[in-house]
N, C-alpha and C. Protein backbone atom coordinates (compact mmCIF):
# COMPACT_ATOMS: atom_id res chain seq x y z
N UNK A 1 21.91 107.24 75.40
CA UNK A 1 21.05 106.88 76.45
C UNK A 1 21.39 107.52 77.92
N UNK A 2 20.63 108.11 78.48
CA UNK A 2 20.94 108.68 79.82
C UNK A 2 21.22 107.65 81.03
N UNK A 3 22.15 108.12 81.78
CA UNK A 3 22.38 107.43 82.98
C UNK A 3 21.18 107.21 83.78
N UNK A 4 20.95 106.25 84.61
CA UNK A 4 19.91 106.11 85.41
C UNK A 4 19.68 107.15 86.40
N UNK A 5 20.66 107.83 86.88
CA UNK A 5 20.62 108.96 87.88
C UNK A 5 19.99 110.20 87.15
N UNK A 6 20.48 110.34 86.11
CA UNK A 6 20.20 111.43 85.24
C UNK A 6 18.61 111.37 84.69
N UNK A 7 18.14 110.15 84.39
CA UNK A 7 16.74 109.84 84.20
C UNK A 7 15.96 110.21 85.47
N UNK A 8 16.29 109.76 86.59
CA UNK A 8 15.81 109.98 87.77
C UNK A 8 15.53 111.48 88.10
N UNK A 9 16.73 112.37 87.88
CA UNK A 9 16.61 113.67 88.12
C UNK A 9 15.55 114.33 87.37
N UNK A 10 15.46 114.02 85.95
CA UNK A 10 14.40 114.57 85.16
C UNK A 10 13.10 114.12 85.59
N UNK A 11 12.98 112.94 85.92
CA UNK A 11 11.49 112.39 86.42
C UNK A 11 11.20 113.22 87.62
N UNK A 12 12.06 113.41 88.68
CA UNK A 12 11.72 114.09 89.78
C UNK A 12 11.38 115.61 89.55
N UNK A 13 12.28 116.09 88.70
CA UNK A 13 11.92 117.55 88.25
C UNK A 13 10.55 117.88 87.80
N UNK A 14 10.23 116.91 86.66
CA UNK A 14 9.00 116.96 86.10
C UNK A 14 7.77 116.70 87.13
N UNK A 15 7.92 115.78 88.10
CA UNK A 15 6.81 115.28 88.94
C UNK A 15 6.79 116.49 89.97
N UNK A 16 7.69 117.13 90.17
CA UNK A 16 7.50 118.32 91.25
C UNK A 16 6.71 119.64 90.71
N UNK A 17 6.69 119.67 89.31
CA UNK A 17 6.00 120.94 88.67
C UNK A 17 4.65 120.83 88.96
N UNK A 18 4.08 122.00 89.26
CA UNK A 18 2.62 122.09 89.50
C UNK A 18 1.83 122.36 88.38
N UNK A 19 1.04 121.43 87.85
CA UNK A 19 0.37 121.51 86.66
C UNK A 19 -1.11 121.72 86.87
N UNK A 20 -1.48 121.96 88.04
CA UNK A 20 -3.05 121.90 88.39
C UNK A 20 -3.56 123.17 87.77
N UNK A 21 -3.05 124.22 87.67
CA UNK A 21 -3.79 125.37 87.08
C UNK A 21 -3.49 125.55 85.60
N UNK A 22 -2.84 124.58 84.82
CA UNK A 22 -2.78 124.81 83.50
C UNK A 22 -3.90 124.39 82.74
N UNK A 23 -4.27 125.30 81.78
CA UNK A 23 -5.36 125.08 80.89
C UNK A 23 -4.88 124.65 79.66
N UNK A 24 -4.85 123.24 79.29
CA UNK A 24 -4.33 122.64 78.26
C UNK A 24 -4.76 122.98 76.95
N UNK A 25 -5.88 123.64 76.84
CA UNK A 25 -6.29 124.26 75.66
C UNK A 25 -5.88 125.60 75.44
N UNK A 26 -5.95 126.40 76.34
CA UNK A 26 -5.41 127.92 76.27
C UNK A 26 -4.11 128.01 76.30
N UNK A 27 -3.41 127.22 77.10
CA UNK A 27 -1.98 127.40 77.43
C UNK A 27 -0.97 126.72 76.41
N UNK A 28 -1.58 125.99 75.64
CA UNK A 28 -0.79 125.18 74.68
C UNK A 28 -0.08 126.11 73.58
N UNK A 29 1.09 125.86 73.47
CA UNK A 29 1.85 126.57 72.51
C UNK A 29 1.25 126.39 71.08
N UNK A 30 1.10 127.40 70.38
CA UNK A 30 0.37 127.52 68.92
C UNK A 30 1.62 127.52 67.89
N UNK A 31 2.10 126.26 67.70
CA UNK A 31 3.41 126.14 67.00
C UNK A 31 2.65 125.87 65.42
N UNK A 32 3.61 125.98 64.40
CA UNK A 32 3.18 125.76 63.22
C UNK A 32 2.72 124.26 62.91
N UNK A 33 3.22 123.44 63.58
CA UNK A 33 2.90 122.13 63.51
C UNK A 33 1.46 122.01 64.11
N UNK A 34 1.11 122.52 65.42
CA UNK A 34 -0.18 122.42 65.90
C UNK A 34 -1.26 123.15 64.99
N UNK A 35 -0.83 124.22 64.24
CA UNK A 35 -1.89 124.87 63.54
C UNK A 35 -2.12 124.06 62.19
N UNK A 36 -1.11 123.34 61.64
CA UNK A 36 -1.36 122.70 60.36
C UNK A 36 -2.06 121.31 60.85
N UNK A 37 -1.89 120.86 61.81
CA UNK A 37 -2.75 119.63 62.31
C UNK A 37 -4.23 120.15 62.57
N UNK A 38 -4.30 121.12 63.35
CA UNK A 38 -5.67 121.76 63.69
C UNK A 38 -6.43 121.89 62.30
N UNK A 39 -5.75 122.61 61.31
CA UNK A 39 -6.45 122.90 60.05
C UNK A 39 -6.75 121.80 59.25
N UNK A 40 -5.79 120.77 59.35
CA UNK A 40 -6.01 119.41 58.56
C UNK A 40 -7.24 118.73 58.97
N UNK A 41 -7.72 118.90 60.14
CA UNK A 41 -8.92 118.17 60.56
C UNK A 41 -10.04 118.99 60.48
N UNK A 42 -10.15 120.15 59.76
CA UNK A 42 -11.37 120.95 59.57
C UNK A 42 -12.15 120.30 58.37
N UNK A 43 -13.44 120.58 58.23
CA UNK A 43 -14.24 120.18 57.25
C UNK A 43 -13.80 121.07 55.94
N UNK A 44 -14.15 120.59 54.86
CA UNK A 44 -13.75 121.43 53.56
C UNK A 44 -14.22 122.78 53.71
N UNK A 45 -15.51 122.89 54.15
CA UNK A 45 -16.26 124.22 54.18
C UNK A 45 -15.33 125.32 55.13
N UNK A 46 -14.94 124.69 56.34
CA UNK A 46 -14.32 125.50 57.37
C UNK A 46 -12.89 125.73 56.78
N UNK A 47 -12.23 124.91 55.99
CA UNK A 47 -10.98 125.07 55.60
C UNK A 47 -10.96 126.21 54.41
N UNK A 48 -12.04 126.38 53.71
CA UNK A 48 -12.21 127.51 52.86
C UNK A 48 -12.42 128.70 53.54
N UNK A 49 -13.21 128.75 54.66
CA UNK A 49 -13.49 130.02 55.53
C UNK A 49 -12.08 130.36 56.15
N UNK A 50 -11.44 129.52 56.66
CA UNK A 50 -10.14 129.90 57.32
C UNK A 50 -9.13 130.30 56.39
N UNK A 51 -8.99 129.77 55.31
CA UNK A 51 -8.16 130.27 54.16
C UNK A 51 -8.41 131.63 53.67
N UNK A 52 -9.65 131.92 53.43
CA UNK A 52 -10.07 133.36 53.24
C UNK A 52 -9.73 134.24 54.24
N UNK A 53 -10.00 134.01 55.59
CA UNK A 53 -9.79 134.78 56.67
C UNK A 53 -8.31 135.18 56.81
N UNK A 54 -7.43 134.02 56.63
CA UNK A 54 -5.96 134.17 56.75
C UNK A 54 -5.59 135.02 55.52
N UNK A 55 -6.19 134.91 54.45
CA UNK A 55 -5.77 135.75 53.23
C UNK A 55 -5.99 137.17 53.50
N UNK A 56 -7.10 137.48 54.03
CA UNK A 56 -7.55 138.88 54.40
C UNK A 56 -6.47 139.53 55.37
N UNK A 57 -6.22 138.76 56.43
CA UNK A 57 -5.34 139.36 57.50
C UNK A 57 -3.86 139.57 56.74
N UNK A 58 -3.47 138.67 55.80
CA UNK A 58 -2.16 138.90 55.33
C UNK A 58 -2.23 139.94 54.44
N UNK A 59 -3.24 140.14 53.67
CA UNK A 59 -3.44 141.34 52.76
C UNK A 59 -3.36 142.68 53.48
N UNK A 60 -4.14 142.67 54.72
CA UNK A 60 -3.97 144.05 55.58
C UNK A 60 -2.55 144.13 56.03
N UNK A 61 -1.93 143.15 56.55
CA UNK A 61 -0.61 143.27 57.18
C UNK A 61 0.30 143.84 56.05
N UNK A 62 0.25 143.28 54.77
CA UNK A 62 1.20 143.89 53.73
C UNK A 62 0.73 145.39 53.54
N UNK A 63 -0.54 145.67 53.42
CA UNK A 63 -0.99 146.95 53.14
C UNK A 63 -0.42 148.12 53.98
N UNK A 64 -0.51 147.58 55.32
CA UNK A 64 -0.21 148.69 56.45
C UNK A 64 1.25 148.58 56.77
N UNK A 65 2.14 147.70 56.22
CA UNK A 65 3.58 147.64 56.52
C UNK A 65 4.38 148.17 55.42
């Protein structure tokens, strides 16, 4: 557990950050977990389309490298 003074320092640091210009949709980190969650919420039709598109991209990457 953090000491109260350390908790306060972290809180103050975060509260001073300017997040007014952040676009939370565009600036979000595209981690593996994010992509998996996003893809799991797609309809079955879109899942198939995304899967085929990813397959094509991977095939082209392998072919050219």
